[in-house]
Amino acid sequence: MADSGFTFEGATPEELRERMGMTAMPSPIELASITDRTIPGPGGEIPVRIYRPSNDAGLPVTVFFHGGGWVIGDLESHDHCCRTIASKADCVVVAVDYRLAPEAKFPAAIDDAWAATEWVATHGDELKVDTSRLAVAGDSAGGNLAAVVANISRDHEHVEVIQQALLYPVTDGTCDRPSMTDNAEGYMLTRTAMDWFHEHYTVTVEDLSDPRYSPILADLAGAPPAVVVTAGFDPLRDQGNAYAAKLVEAGVDVDLVEYEGMFHGFFSMDAAIDVASEAQDQVASALKDAFAR
């Protein structure tokens, strides 16, 4: 993030949110409809944005959680990402504007993410979607939330997540893996930024060992199938790869794709980077395959 105009020294969350908002670019992707509304949540109403690629009833649905270290990001920052998934995977996307830290620290974001997923799963008629074909997705901190929600869903029969799409996810807050040092500076996301995010999101150091914060510490048996995208020059690369490996060890069907020459955040940069379109197609293909099962 440092190389994209973000600096964390002396910056407040409010300042960084404003800067991120200034970098959001309009998406060229046209959809049948895009609707903003709110849904009930544990800390008040949760804003969501519903993307429909067509007006057909009974489409599959993906609940999407934006990245931003649990501190920044919103519906606007990931609008293009959500339009892309809706268009390429031919599914309704429900983007969730969960509460942010430090105003709402761990586990508030998870509580909102789960509440939104549960709401989608139980309001299929209202949304005109097929809730038996429900996926979760997210990038970075949003990938963390998607992984945690997928794990939580195993204990709730009324919420069946059939696929998770994790884009360079945060999966482990308890240790530094080699990529955190090797890619500490110069590749969009920095180690300094991750430390700043952890500091603002957590309440105590023990939070880092909570499976809702570090899903790699969870028992992953029975987790939904996953497509995991990582980037070679991302500090989070090894976390994502290790999480995919642990899912495989638990008997979960995993499609792991590491884009060796890429960096954190590349997925939405298809206007400038051809390989971003390849990653989008990879995720869309995994979702469509899951929806067809």
C-alpha atoms as a PDB file:
ATOM      1  CA  MET A   1       0.000   0.000   0.000  1.00  0.00           C
ATOM      2  CA  ALA A   2       2.909   2.343   0.588  1.00  0.00           C
ATOM      3  CA  ASP A   3       3.706   2.385  -3.133  1.00  0.00           C
ATOM      4  CA  SER A   4       0.136   3.279  -4.074  1.00  0.00           C
ATOM      5  CA  GLY A   5       0.164   6.529  -2.130  1.00  0.00           C
ATOM      6  CA  PHE A   6      -0.554   5.109   1.328  1.00  0.00           C
ATOM      7  CA  THR A   7       1.722   5.890   4.239  1.00  0.00           C
ATOM      8  CA  PHE A   8       0.957   4.679   7.732  1.00  0.00           C
ATOM      9  CA  GLU A   9       3.340   6.805   9.787  1.00  0.00           C
ATOM     10  CA  GLY A  10       1.236   9.259  11.760  1.00  0.00           C
ATOM     11  CA  ALA A  11      -1.875   8.581   9.673  1.00  0.00           C
ATOM     12  CA  THR A  12      -5.270   8.067  11.254  1.00  0.00           C
ATOM     13  CA  PRO A  13      -7.786   5.475  10.051  1.00  0.00           C
ATOM     14  CA  GLU A  14     -10.056   8.304   8.919  1.00  0.00           C
ATOM     15  CA  GLU A  15      -7.291   9.818   6.769  1.00  0.00           C
ATOM     16  CA  LEU A  16      -6.486   6.478   5.174  1.00  0.00           C
ATOM     17  CA  ARG A  17     -10.147   5.799   4.441  1.00  0.00           C
ATOM     18  CA  GLU A  18     -10.411   9.158   2.707  1.00  0.00           C
ATOM     19  CA  ARG A  19      -7.305   8.447   0.635  1.00  0.00           C
ATOM     20  CA  MET A  20      -8.584   5.010  -0.338  1.00  0.00           C
ATOM     21  CA  GLY A  21     -11.872   6.538  -1.397  1.00  0.00           C
ATOM     22  CA  MET A  22     -10.020   8.964  -3.652  1.00  0.00           C
ATOM     23  CA  THR A  23      -8.312   6.062  -5.463  1.00  0.00           C
ATOM     24  CA  ALA A  24     -11.527   4.172  -6.267  1.00  0.00           C
ATOM     25  CA  MET A  25     -12.100   4.171 -10.031  1.00  0.00           C
ATOM     26  CA  PRO A  26     -15.448   3.751 -11.808  1.00  0.00           C
ATOM     27  CA  SER A  27     -15.970   0.269 -13.203  1.00  0.00           C
ATOM     28  CA  PRO A  28     -16.767  -0.174 -16.908  1.00  0.00           C
ATOM     29  CA  ILE A  29     -18.801  -3.340 -16.231  1.00  0.00           C
ATOM     30  CA  GLU A  30     -22.545  -2.905 -16.711  1.00  0.00           C
ATOM     31  CA  LEU A  31     -24.948  -5.176 -14.831  1.00  0.00           C
ATOM     32  CA  ALA A  32     -28.713  -5.604 -14.819  1.00  0.00           C
ATOM     33  CA  SER A  33     -29.043  -3.899 -11.436  1.00  0.00           C
ATOM     34  CA  ILE A  34     -27.037  -2.686  -8.463  1.00  0.00           C
ATOM     35  CA  THR A  35     -28.971  -1.997  -5.268  1.00  0.00           C
ATOM     36  CA  ASP A  36     -27.864  -0.521  -1.958  1.00  0.00           C
ATOM     37  CA  ARG A  37     -29.759  -1.371   1.211  1.00  0.00           C
ATOM     38  CA  THR A  38     -29.209  -2.290   4.852  1.00  0.00           C
ATOM     39  CA  ILE A  39     -29.800  -5.524   6.730  1.00  0.00           C
ATOM     40  CA  PRO A  40     -29.971  -6.230  10.475  1.00  0.00           C
ATOM     41  CA  GLY A  41     -26.676  -6.802  12.254  1.00  0.00           C
ATOM     42  CA  PRO A  42     -25.395  -7.382  15.783  1.00  0.00           C
ATOM     43  CA  GLY A  43     -24.141  -3.798  16.067  1.00  0.00           C
ATOM     44  CA  GLY A  44     -26.854  -2.081  14.053  1.00  0.00           C
ATOM     45  CA  GLU A  45     -27.813  -1.991  10.406  1.00  0.00           C
ATOM     46  CA  ILE A  46     -25.204  -3.336   7.970  1.00  0.00           C
ATOM     47  CA  PRO A  47     -24.975  -1.638   4.558  1.00  0.00           C
ATOM     48  CA  VAL A  48     -24.833  -4.097   1.662  1.00  0.00           C
ATOM     49  CA  ARG A  49     -24.728  -3.730  -2.104  1.00  0.00           C
ATOM     50  CA  ILE A  50     -26.464  -6.301  -4.300  1.00  0.00           C
ATOM     51  CA  TYR A  51     -25.106  -6.900  -7.806  1.00  0.00           C
ATOM     52  CA  ARG A  52     -27.296  -8.740 -10.323  1.00  0.00           C
ATOM     53  CA  PRO A  53     -25.814  -9.808 -13.685  1.00  0.00           C
ATOM     54  CA  SER A  54     -29.330 -10.472 -15.000  1.00  0.00           C
ATOM     55  CA  ASN A  55     -32.901 -10.268 -13.794  1.00  0.00           C
ATOM     56  CA  ASP A  56     -33.293 -14.047 -13.840  1.00  0.00           C
ATOM     57  CA  ALA A  57     -34.623 -15.554 -10.626  1.00  0.00           C
ATOM     58  CA  GLY A  58     -32.796 -18.404  -8.942  1.00  0.00           C
ATOM     59  CA  LEU A  59     -29.234 -17.324  -9.662  1.00  0.00           C
ATOM     60  CA  PRO A  60     -26.485 -18.532  -7.326  1.00  0.00           C
ATOM     61  CA  VAL A  61     -25.158 -16.009  -4.824  1.00  0.00           C
ATOM     62  CA  THR A  62     -21.750 -15.005  -3.499  1.00  0.00           C
ATOM     63  CA  VAL A  63     -21.304 -12.989  -0.312  1.00  0.00           C
ATOM     64  CA  PHE A  64     -18.232 -10.759  -0.696  1.00  0.00           C
ATOM     65  CA  PHE A  65     -16.086  -9.152   2.011  1.00  0.00           C
ATOM     66  CA  HIS A  66     -13.729  -6.341   1.028  1.00  0.00           C
ATOM     67  CA  GLY A  67     -10.103  -6.060   2.062  1.00  0.00           C
ATOM     68  CA  GLY A  68      -8.403  -3.187   3.832  1.00  0.00           C
ATOM     69  CA  GLY A  69      -6.923  -4.663   6.982  1.00  0.00           C
ATOM     70  CA  TRP A  70     -10.269  -4.548   8.821  1.00  0.00           C
ATOM     71  CA  VAL A  71      -9.653  -0.775   9.097  1.00  0.00           C
ATOM     72  CA  ILE A  72     -10.203   0.728   5.638  1.00  0.00           C
ATOM     73  CA  GLY A  73     -12.197  -0.187   2.541  1.00  0.00           C
ATOM     74  CA  ASP A  74     -15.906  -0.070   1.799  1.00  0.00           C
ATOM     75  CA  LEU A  75     -18.483  -0.783  -0.877  1.00  0.00           C
ATOM     76  CA  GLU A  76     -16.929   1.746  -3.249  1.00  0.00           C
ATOM     77  CA  SER A  77     -13.337   0.540  -2.932  1.00  0.00           C
ATOM     78  CA  HIS A  78     -14.263  -2.942  -4.175  1.00  0.00           C
ATOM     79  CA  ASP A  79     -17.095  -2.083  -6.533  1.00  0.00           C
ATOM     80  CA  HIS A  80     -15.166  -3.173  -9.635  1.00  0.00           C
ATOM     81  CA  CYS A  81     -14.135  -6.428  -7.971  1.00  0.00           C
ATOM     82  CA  CYS A  82     -17.759  -7.264  -7.170  1.00  0.00           C
ATOM     83  CA  ARG A  83     -18.982  -6.311 -10.634  1.00  0.00           C
ATOM     84  CA  THR A  84     -16.298  -8.557 -12.100  1.00  0.00           C
ATOM     85  CA  ILE A  85     -17.302 -11.579 -10.026  1.00  0.00           C
ATOM     86  CA  ALA A  86     -21.004 -11.064 -10.722  1.00  0.00           C
ATOM     87  CA  SER A  87     -20.387 -10.759 -14.453  1.00  0.00           C
ATOM     88  CA  LYS A  88     -17.833 -13.537 -14.935  1.00  0.00           C
ATOM     89  CA  ALA A  89     -19.340 -16.064 -12.511  1.00  0.00           C
ATOM     90  CA  ASP A  90     -22.939 -15.256 -13.505  1.00  0.00           C
ATOM     91  CA  CYS A  91     -24.058 -14.950  -9.902  1.00  0.00           C
ATOM     92  CA  VAL A  92     -25.606 -12.388  -7.628  1.00  0.00           C
ATOM     93  CA  VAL A  93     -22.975 -10.770  -5.411  1.00  0.00           C
ATOM     94  CA  VAL A  94     -23.859  -9.308  -2.022  1.00  0.00           C
ATOM     95  CA  ALA A  95     -21.045  -7.031  -0.842  1.00  0.00           C
ATOM     96  CA  VAL A  96     -20.929  -6.419   2.900  1.00  0.00           C
ATOM     97  CA  ASP A  97     -19.865  -3.104   4.457  1.00  0.00           C
ATOM     98  CA  TYR A  98     -18.940  -4.585   7.830  1.00  0.00           C
ATOM     99  CA  ARG A  99     -17.900  -2.493  10.827  1.00  0.00           C
ATOM    100  CA  LEU A 100     -14.304  -1.301  10.798  1.00  0.00           C
ATOM    101  CA  ALA A 101     -11.621  -1.057  13.459  1.00  0.00           C
ATOM    102  CA  PRO A 102     -10.531   0.649  15.609  1.00  0.00           C
ATOM    103  CA  GLU A 103     -14.064   1.903  16.249  1.00  0.00           C
ATOM    104  CA  ALA A 104     -15.250  -1.720  16.210  1.00  0.00           C
ATOM    105  CA  LYS A 105     -12.432  -4.089  17.094  1.00  0.00           C
ATOM    106  CA  PHE A 106     -12.167  -7.868  16.779  1.00  0.00           C
ATOM    107  CA  PRO A 107     -14.465  -9.770  16.451  1.00  0.00           C
ATOM    108  CA  ALA A 108     -16.968  -7.142  15.237  1.00  0.00           C
ATOM    109  CA  ALA A 109     -16.075  -7.598  11.560  1.00  0.00           C
ATOM    110  CA  ILE A 110     -16.561 -11.348  11.869  1.00  0.00           C
ATOM    111  CA  ASP A 111     -19.872 -10.902  13.663  1.00  0.00           C
ATOM    112  CA  ASP A 112     -21.119  -8.677  10.832  1.00  0.00           C
ATOM    113  CA  ALA A 113     -19.749 -10.993   8.141  1.00  0.00           C
ATOM    114  CA  TRP A 114     -21.516 -13.974   9.645  1.00  0.00           C
ATOM    115  CA  ALA A 115     -24.750 -12.036  10.222  1.00  0.00           C
ATOM    116  CA  ALA A 116     -24.780 -10.932   6.589  1.00  0.00           C
ATOM    117  CA  THR A 117     -24.111 -14.443   5.306  1.00  0.00           C
ATOM    118  CA  GLU A 118     -26.825 -15.851   7.540  1.00  0.00           C
ATOM    119  CA  TRP A 119     -29.245 -13.183   6.313  1.00  0.00           C
ATOM    120  CA  VAL A 120     -28.529 -14.006   2.673  1.00  0.00           C
ATOM    121  CA  ALA A 121     -28.925 -17.734   3.357  1.00  0.00           C
ATOM    122  CA  THR A 122     -32.353 -17.195   4.911  1.00  0.00           C
ATOM    123  CA  HIS A 123     -33.723 -14.576   2.484  1.00  0.00           C
ATOM    124  CA  GLY A 124     -33.444 -16.372  -0.828  1.00  0.00           C
ATOM    125  CA  ASP A 125     -37.017 -15.602  -1.841  1.00  0.00           C
ATOM    126  CA  GLU A 126     -36.585 -11.895  -1.158  1.00  0.00           C
ATOM    127  CA  LEU A 127     -33.288 -11.802  -3.044  1.00  0.00           C
ATOM    128  CA  LYS A 128     -34.571 -14.136  -5.785  1.00  0.00           C
ATOM    129  CA  VAL A 129     -31.468 -16.308  -5.463  1.00  0.00           C
ATOM    130  CA  ASP A 130     -30.832 -20.013  -5.011  1.00  0.00           C
ATOM    131  CA  THR A 131     -29.409 -20.255  -1.497  1.00  0.00           C
ATOM    132  CA  SER A 132     -28.438 -23.890  -2.044  1.00  0.00           C
ATOM    133  CA  ARG A 133     -25.722 -22.404  -4.264  1.00  0.00           C
ATOM    134  CA  LEU A 134     -24.125 -20.017  -1.777  1.00  0.00           C
ATOM    135  CA  ALA A 135     -20.448 -19.035  -1.849  1.00  0.00           C
ATOM    136  CA  VAL A 136     -18.305 -16.630   0.153  1.00  0.00           C
ATOM    137  CA  ALA A 137     -15.395 -14.608  -1.181  1.00  0.00           C
ATOM    138  CA  GLY A 138     -13.025 -11.864  -0.143  1.00  0.00           C
ATOM    139  CA  ASP A 139      -9.601 -10.370  -0.605  1.00  0.00           C
ATOM    140  CA  SER A 140      -6.893  -9.851   2.028  1.00  0.00           C
ATOM    141  CA  ALA A 141      -8.690  -9.121   5.318  1.00  0.00           C
ATOM    142  CA  GLY A 142     -11.902  -9.903   3.460  1.00  0.00           C
ATOM    143  CA  GLY A 143     -10.400 -13.257   2.530  1.00  0.00           C
ATOM    144  CA  ASN A 144      -9.819 -13.783   6.224  1.00  0.00           C
ATOM    145  CA  LEU A 145     -13.493 -13.081   6.916  1.00  0.00           C
ATOM    146  CA  ALA A 146     -14.598 -15.383   4.093  1.00  0.00           C
ATOM    147  CA  ALA A 147     -12.464 -18.226   5.447  1.00  0.00           C
ATOM    148  CA  VAL A 148     -13.775 -17.734   8.978  1.00  0.00           C
ATOM    149  CA  VAL A 149     -17.394 -17.540   7.818  1.00  0.00           C
ATOM    150  CA  ALA A 150     -16.910 -20.726   5.791  1.00  0.00           C
ATOM    151  CA  ASN A 151     -15.633 -22.469   8.915  1.00  0.00           C
ATOM    152  CA  ILE A 152     -18.452 -21.145  11.104  1.00  0.00           C
ATOM    153  CA  SER A 153     -21.045 -22.335   8.593  1.00  0.00           C
ATOM    154  CA  ARG A 154     -20.176 -25.968   9.318  1.00  0.00           C
ATOM    155  CA  ASP A 155     -21.961 -25.651  12.657  1.00  0.00           C
ATOM    156  CA  HIS A 156     -25.149 -24.139  11.211  1.00  0.00           C
ATOM    157  CA  GLU A 157     -27.343 -26.351   9.062  1.00  0.00           C
ATOM    158  CA  HIS A 158     -29.373 -23.411   7.750  1.00  0.00           C
ATOM    159  CA  VAL A 159     -26.264 -21.831   6.178  1.00  0.00           C
ATOM    160  CA  GLU A 160     -24.583 -24.130   3.666  1.00  0.00           C
ATOM    161  CA  VAL A 161     -21.550 -22.558   2.020  1.00  0.00           C
ATOM    162  CA  ILE A 162     -20.572 -24.676  -0.984  1.00  0.00           C
ATOM    163  CA  GLN A 163     -17.461 -22.750  -2.094  1.00  0.00           C
ATOM    164  CA  GLN A 164     -14.999 -20.219  -0.709  1.00  0.00           C
ATOM    165  CA  ALA A 165     -12.870 -17.921  -2.865  1.00  0.00           C
ATOM    166  CA  LEU A 166      -9.913 -16.510  -0.950  1.00  0.00           C
ATOM    167  CA  LEU A 167      -7.814 -13.818  -2.630  1.00  0.00           C
ATOM    168  CA  TYR A 168      -4.414 -13.372  -0.940  1.00  0.00           C
ATOM    169  CA  PRO A 169      -6.073 -13.926   2.448  1.00  0.00           C
ATOM    170  CA  VAL A 170      -4.816 -13.160   5.946  1.00  0.00           C
ATOM    171  CA  THR A 171      -4.853 -16.545   7.669  1.00  0.00           C
ATOM    172  CA  ASP A 172      -2.253 -16.405  10.451  1.00  0.00           C
ATOM    173  CA  GLY A 173      -1.560 -13.596  12.894  1.00  0.00           C
ATOM    174  CA  THR A 174       0.689 -15.657  15.143  1.00  0.00           C
ATOM    175  CA  CYS A 175       3.965 -15.897  13.229  1.00  0.00           C
ATOM    176  CA  ASP A 176       6.121 -14.363  10.528  1.00  0.00           C
ATOM    177  CA  ARG A 177       6.596 -16.552   7.489  1.00  0.00           C
ATOM    178  CA  PRO A 178       9.460 -15.943   5.022  1.00  0.00           C
ATOM    179  CA  SER A 179       7.364 -13.916   2.571  1.00  0.00           C
ATOM    180  CA  MET A 180       6.552 -11.402   5.312  1.00  0.00           C
ATOM    181  CA  THR A 181      10.267 -10.602   5.508  1.00  0.00           C
ATOM    182  CA  ASP A 182      11.225 -11.144   1.869  1.00  0.00           C
ATOM    183  CA  ASN A 183       8.416  -8.879   0.632  1.00  0.00           C
ATOM    184  CA  ALA A 184       8.358  -6.500   3.589  1.00  0.00           C
ATOM    185  CA  GLU A 185       8.724  -3.356   1.478  1.00  0.00           C
ATOM    186  CA  GLY A 186       8.114  -2.237  -2.062  1.00  0.00           C
ATOM    187  CA  TYR A 187       5.196  -4.421  -3.154  1.00  0.00           C
ATOM    188  CA  MET A 188       2.006  -2.477  -2.369  1.00  0.00           C
ATOM    189  CA  LEU A 189       1.228  -4.114   0.983  1.00  0.00           C
ATOM    190  CA  THR A 190       4.072  -3.785   3.498  1.00  0.00           C
ATOM    191  CA  ARG A 191       4.983  -5.419   6.763  1.00  0.00           C
ATOM    192  CA  THR A 192       4.607  -2.032   8.451  1.00  0.00           C
ATOM    193  CA  ALA A 193       1.057  -1.821   7.149  1.00  0.00           C
ATOM    194  CA  MET A 194       0.220  -5.300   8.428  1.00  0.00           C
ATOM    195  CA  ASP A 195       1.562  -4.438  11.873  1.00  0.00           C
ATOM    196  CA  TRP A 196      -0.550  -1.276  11.828  1.00  0.00           C
ATOM    197  CA  PHE A 197      -3.664  -3.227  10.849  1.00  0.00           C
ATOM    198  CA  HIS A 198      -3.104  -5.867  13.531  1.00  0.00           C
ATOM    199  CA  GLU A 199      -2.615  -3.147  16.157  1.00  0.00           C
ATOM    200  CA  HIS A 200      -5.851  -1.392  15.241  1.00  0.00           C
ATOM    201  CA  TYR A 201      -7.988  -4.539  14.897  1.00  0.00           C
ATOM    202  CA  THR A 202      -6.981  -6.541  17.963  1.00  0.00           C
ATOM    203  CA  VAL A 203      -7.954  -5.962  21.577  1.00  0.00           C
ATOM    204  CA  THR A 204      -5.361  -8.238  23.186  1.00  0.00           C
ATOM    205  CA  VAL A 205      -2.401 -10.254  21.928  1.00  0.00           C
ATOM    206  CA  GLU A 206      -4.434 -13.385  22.620  1.00  0.00           C
ATOM    207  CA  ASP A 207      -6.747 -12.401  19.757  1.00  0.00           C
ATOM    208  CA  LEU A 208      -3.994 -13.378  17.319  1.00  0.00           C
ATOM    209  CA  SER A 209      -4.359 -17.006  18.411  1.00  0.00           C
ATOM    210  CA  ASP A 210      -8.142 -17.075  18.058  1.00  0.00           C
ATOM    211  CA  PRO A 211      -9.201 -19.250  15.082  1.00  0.00           C
ATOM    212  CA  ARG A 212     -11.598 -16.464  14.127  1.00  0.00           C
ATOM    213  CA  TYR A 213      -8.530 -14.249  13.639  1.00  0.00           C
ATOM    214  CA  SER A 214      -6.077 -16.927  12.499  1.00  0.00           C
ATOM    215  CA  PRO A 215      -8.224 -19.514  10.702  1.00  0.00           C
ATOM    216  CA  ILE A 216      -5.124 -21.619  10.019  1.00  0.00           C
ATOM    217  CA  LEU A 217      -5.367 -22.620  13.700  1.00  0.00           C
ATOM    218  CA  ALA A 218      -8.892 -23.991  13.244  1.00  0.00           C
ATOM    219  CA  ASP A 219      -9.856 -27.604  12.656  1.00  0.00           C
ATOM    220  CA  LEU A 220     -10.556 -27.422   8.924  1.00  0.00           C
ATOM    221  CA  ALA A 221     -12.182 -30.829   8.488  1.00  0.00           C
ATOM    222  CA  GLY A 222     -15.434 -30.447   6.594  1.00  0.00           C
ATOM    223  CA  ALA A 223     -14.681 -26.942   5.345  1.00  0.00           C
ATOM    224  CA  PRO A 224     -16.153 -26.011   1.952  1.00  0.00           C
ATOM    225  CA  PRO A 225     -14.046 -26.431  -1.189  1.00  0.00           C
ATOM    226  CA  ALA A 226     -11.771 -23.473  -1.836  1.00  0.00           C
ATOM    227  CA  VAL A 227     -10.054 -21.570  -4.591  1.00  0.00           C
ATOM    228  CA  VAL A 228      -7.067 -19.699  -3.163  1.00  0.00           C
ATOM    229  CA  VAL A 229      -5.205 -17.002  -5.088  1.00  0.00           C
ATOM    230  CA  THR A 230      -1.796 -15.839  -3.872  1.00  0.00           C
ATOM    231  CA  ALA A 231       0.857 -13.497  -5.289  1.00  0.00           C
ATOM    232  CA  GLY A 232       4.596 -14.131  -5.396  1.00  0.00           C
ATOM    233  CA  PHE A 233       5.633 -10.690  -4.132  1.00  0.00           C
ATOM    234  CA  ASP A 234       2.975 -10.450  -1.419  1.00  0.00           C
ATOM    235  CA  PRO A 235       3.927 -10.477   2.283  1.00  0.00           C
ATOM    236  CA  LEU A 236       0.844 -12.693   2.749  1.00  0.00           C
ATOM    237  CA  ARG A 237       1.892 -15.234   0.105  1.00  0.00           C
ATOM    238  CA  ASP A 238       3.088 -17.908   2.521  1.00  0.00           C
ATOM    239  CA  GLN A 239       0.016 -17.535   4.749  1.00  0.00           C
ATOM    240  CA  GLY A 240      -2.284 -18.181   1.819  1.00  0.00           C
ATOM    241  CA  ASN A 241      -0.241 -21.111   0.545  1.00  0.00           C
ATOM    242  CA  ALA A 242      -0.013 -22.631   4.030  1.00  0.00           C
ATOM    243  CA  TYR A 243      -3.767 -22.300   4.526  1.00  0.00           C
ATOM    244  CA  ALA A 244      -4.416 -24.041   1.222  1.00  0.00           C
ATOM    245  CA  ALA A 245      -2.047 -26.837   2.263  1.00  0.00           C
ATOM    246  CA  LYS A 246      -3.808 -27.260   5.596  1.00  0.00           C
ATOM    247  CA  LEU A 247      -7.181 -27.422   3.860  1.00  0.00           C
ATOM    248  CA  VAL A 248      -5.818 -30.185   1.637  1.00  0.00           C
ATOM    249  CA  GLU A 249      -4.491 -32.035   4.697  1.00  0.00           C
ATOM    250  CA  ALA A 250      -8.012 -31.845   6.146  1.00  0.00           C
ATOM    251  CA  GLY A 251      -9.439 -33.489   3.039  1.00  0.00           C
ATOM    252  CA  VAL A 252     -10.833 -30.324   1.463  1.00  0.00           C
ATOM    253  CA  ASP A 253     -10.848 -29.872  -2.310  1.00  0.00           C
ATOM    254  CA  VAL A 254      -8.561 -26.892  -3.027  1.00  0.00           C
ATOM    255  CA  ASP A 255      -7.534 -25.084  -6.188  1.00  0.00           C
ATOM    256  CA  LEU A 256      -4.422 -23.044  -5.291  1.00  0.00           C
ATOM    257  CA  VAL A 257      -2.979 -20.653  -7.852  1.00  0.00           C
ATOM    258  CA  GLU A 258       0.118 -18.597  -7.034  1.00  0.00           C
ATOM    259  CA  TYR A 259       0.791 -15.810  -9.512  1.00  0.00           C
ATOM    260  CA  GLU A 260       4.543 -15.632  -9.076  1.00  0.00           C
ATOM    261  CA  GLY A 261       5.186 -12.193 -10.565  1.00  0.00           C
ATOM    262  CA  MET A 262       2.251 -10.465  -8.918  1.00  0.00           C
ATOM    263  CA  PHE A 263       1.758  -8.399  -5.776  1.00  0.00           C
ATOM    264  CA  HIS A 264      -0.960  -7.844  -3.187  1.00  0.00           C
ATOM    265  CA  GLY A 265      -4.123  -6.322  -4.638  1.00  0.00           C
ATOM    266  CA  PHE A 266      -3.542  -7.199  -8.287  1.00  0.00           C
ATOM    267  CA  PHE A 267      -6.881  -9.005  -8.758  1.00  0.00           C
ATOM    268  CA  SER A 268      -8.842  -5.837  -9.591  1.00  0.00           C
ATOM    269  CA  MET A 269      -6.173  -4.292 -11.826  1.00  0.00           C
ATOM    270  CA  ASP A 270      -7.300  -5.891 -15.085  1.00  0.00           C
ATOM    271  CA  ALA A 271      -7.277  -2.520 -16.857  1.00  0.00           C
ATOM    272  CA  ALA A 272      -3.482  -2.473 -16.536  1.00  0.00           C
ATOM    273  CA  ILE A 273      -2.399  -6.080 -15.873  1.00  0.00           C
ATOM    274  CA  ASP A 274      -3.415  -8.932 -18.173  1.00  0.00           C
ATOM    275  CA  VAL A 275      -2.759 -11.592 -15.542  1.00  0.00           C
ATOM    276  CA  ALA A 276      -5.428  -9.996 -13.346  1.00  0.00           C
ATOM    277  CA  SER A 277      -7.999 -11.094 -15.910  1.00  0.00           C
ATOM    278  CA  GLU A 278      -6.560 -14.609 -15.738  1.00  0.00           C
ATOM    279  CA  ALA A 279      -6.993 -14.634 -11.961  1.00  0.00           C
ATOM    280  CA  GLN A 280     -10.542 -13.352 -12.303  1.00  0.00           C
ATOM    281  CA  ASP A 281     -11.324 -16.106 -14.787  1.00  0.00           C
ATOM    282  CA  GLN A 282      -9.782 -18.686 -12.442  1.00  0.00           C
ATOM    283  CA  VAL A 283     -12.004 -17.607  -9.559  1.00  0.00           C
ATOM    284  CA  ALA A 284     -15.085 -17.318 -11.757  1.00  0.00           C
ATOM    285  CA  SER A 285     -14.483 -20.802 -13.143  1.00  0.00           C
ATOM    286  CA  ALA A 286     -14.188 -22.266  -9.640  1.00  0.00           C
ATOM    287  CA  LEU A 287     -17.413 -20.570  -8.583  1.00  0.00           C
ATOM    288  CA  LYS A 288     -19.300 -21.674 -11.698  1.00  0.00           C
ATOM    289  CA  ASP A 289     -18.089 -25.244 -11.259  1.00  0.00           C
ATOM    290  CA  ALA A 290     -19.303 -25.203  -7.650  1.00  0.00           C
ATOM    291  CA  PHE A 291     -22.666 -23.759  -8.647  1.00  0.00           C
ATOM    292  CA  ALA A 292     -23.066 -26.509 -11.260  1.00  0.00           C
ATOM    293  CA  ARG A 293     -22.394 -29.378  -8.850  1.00  0.00           C
END
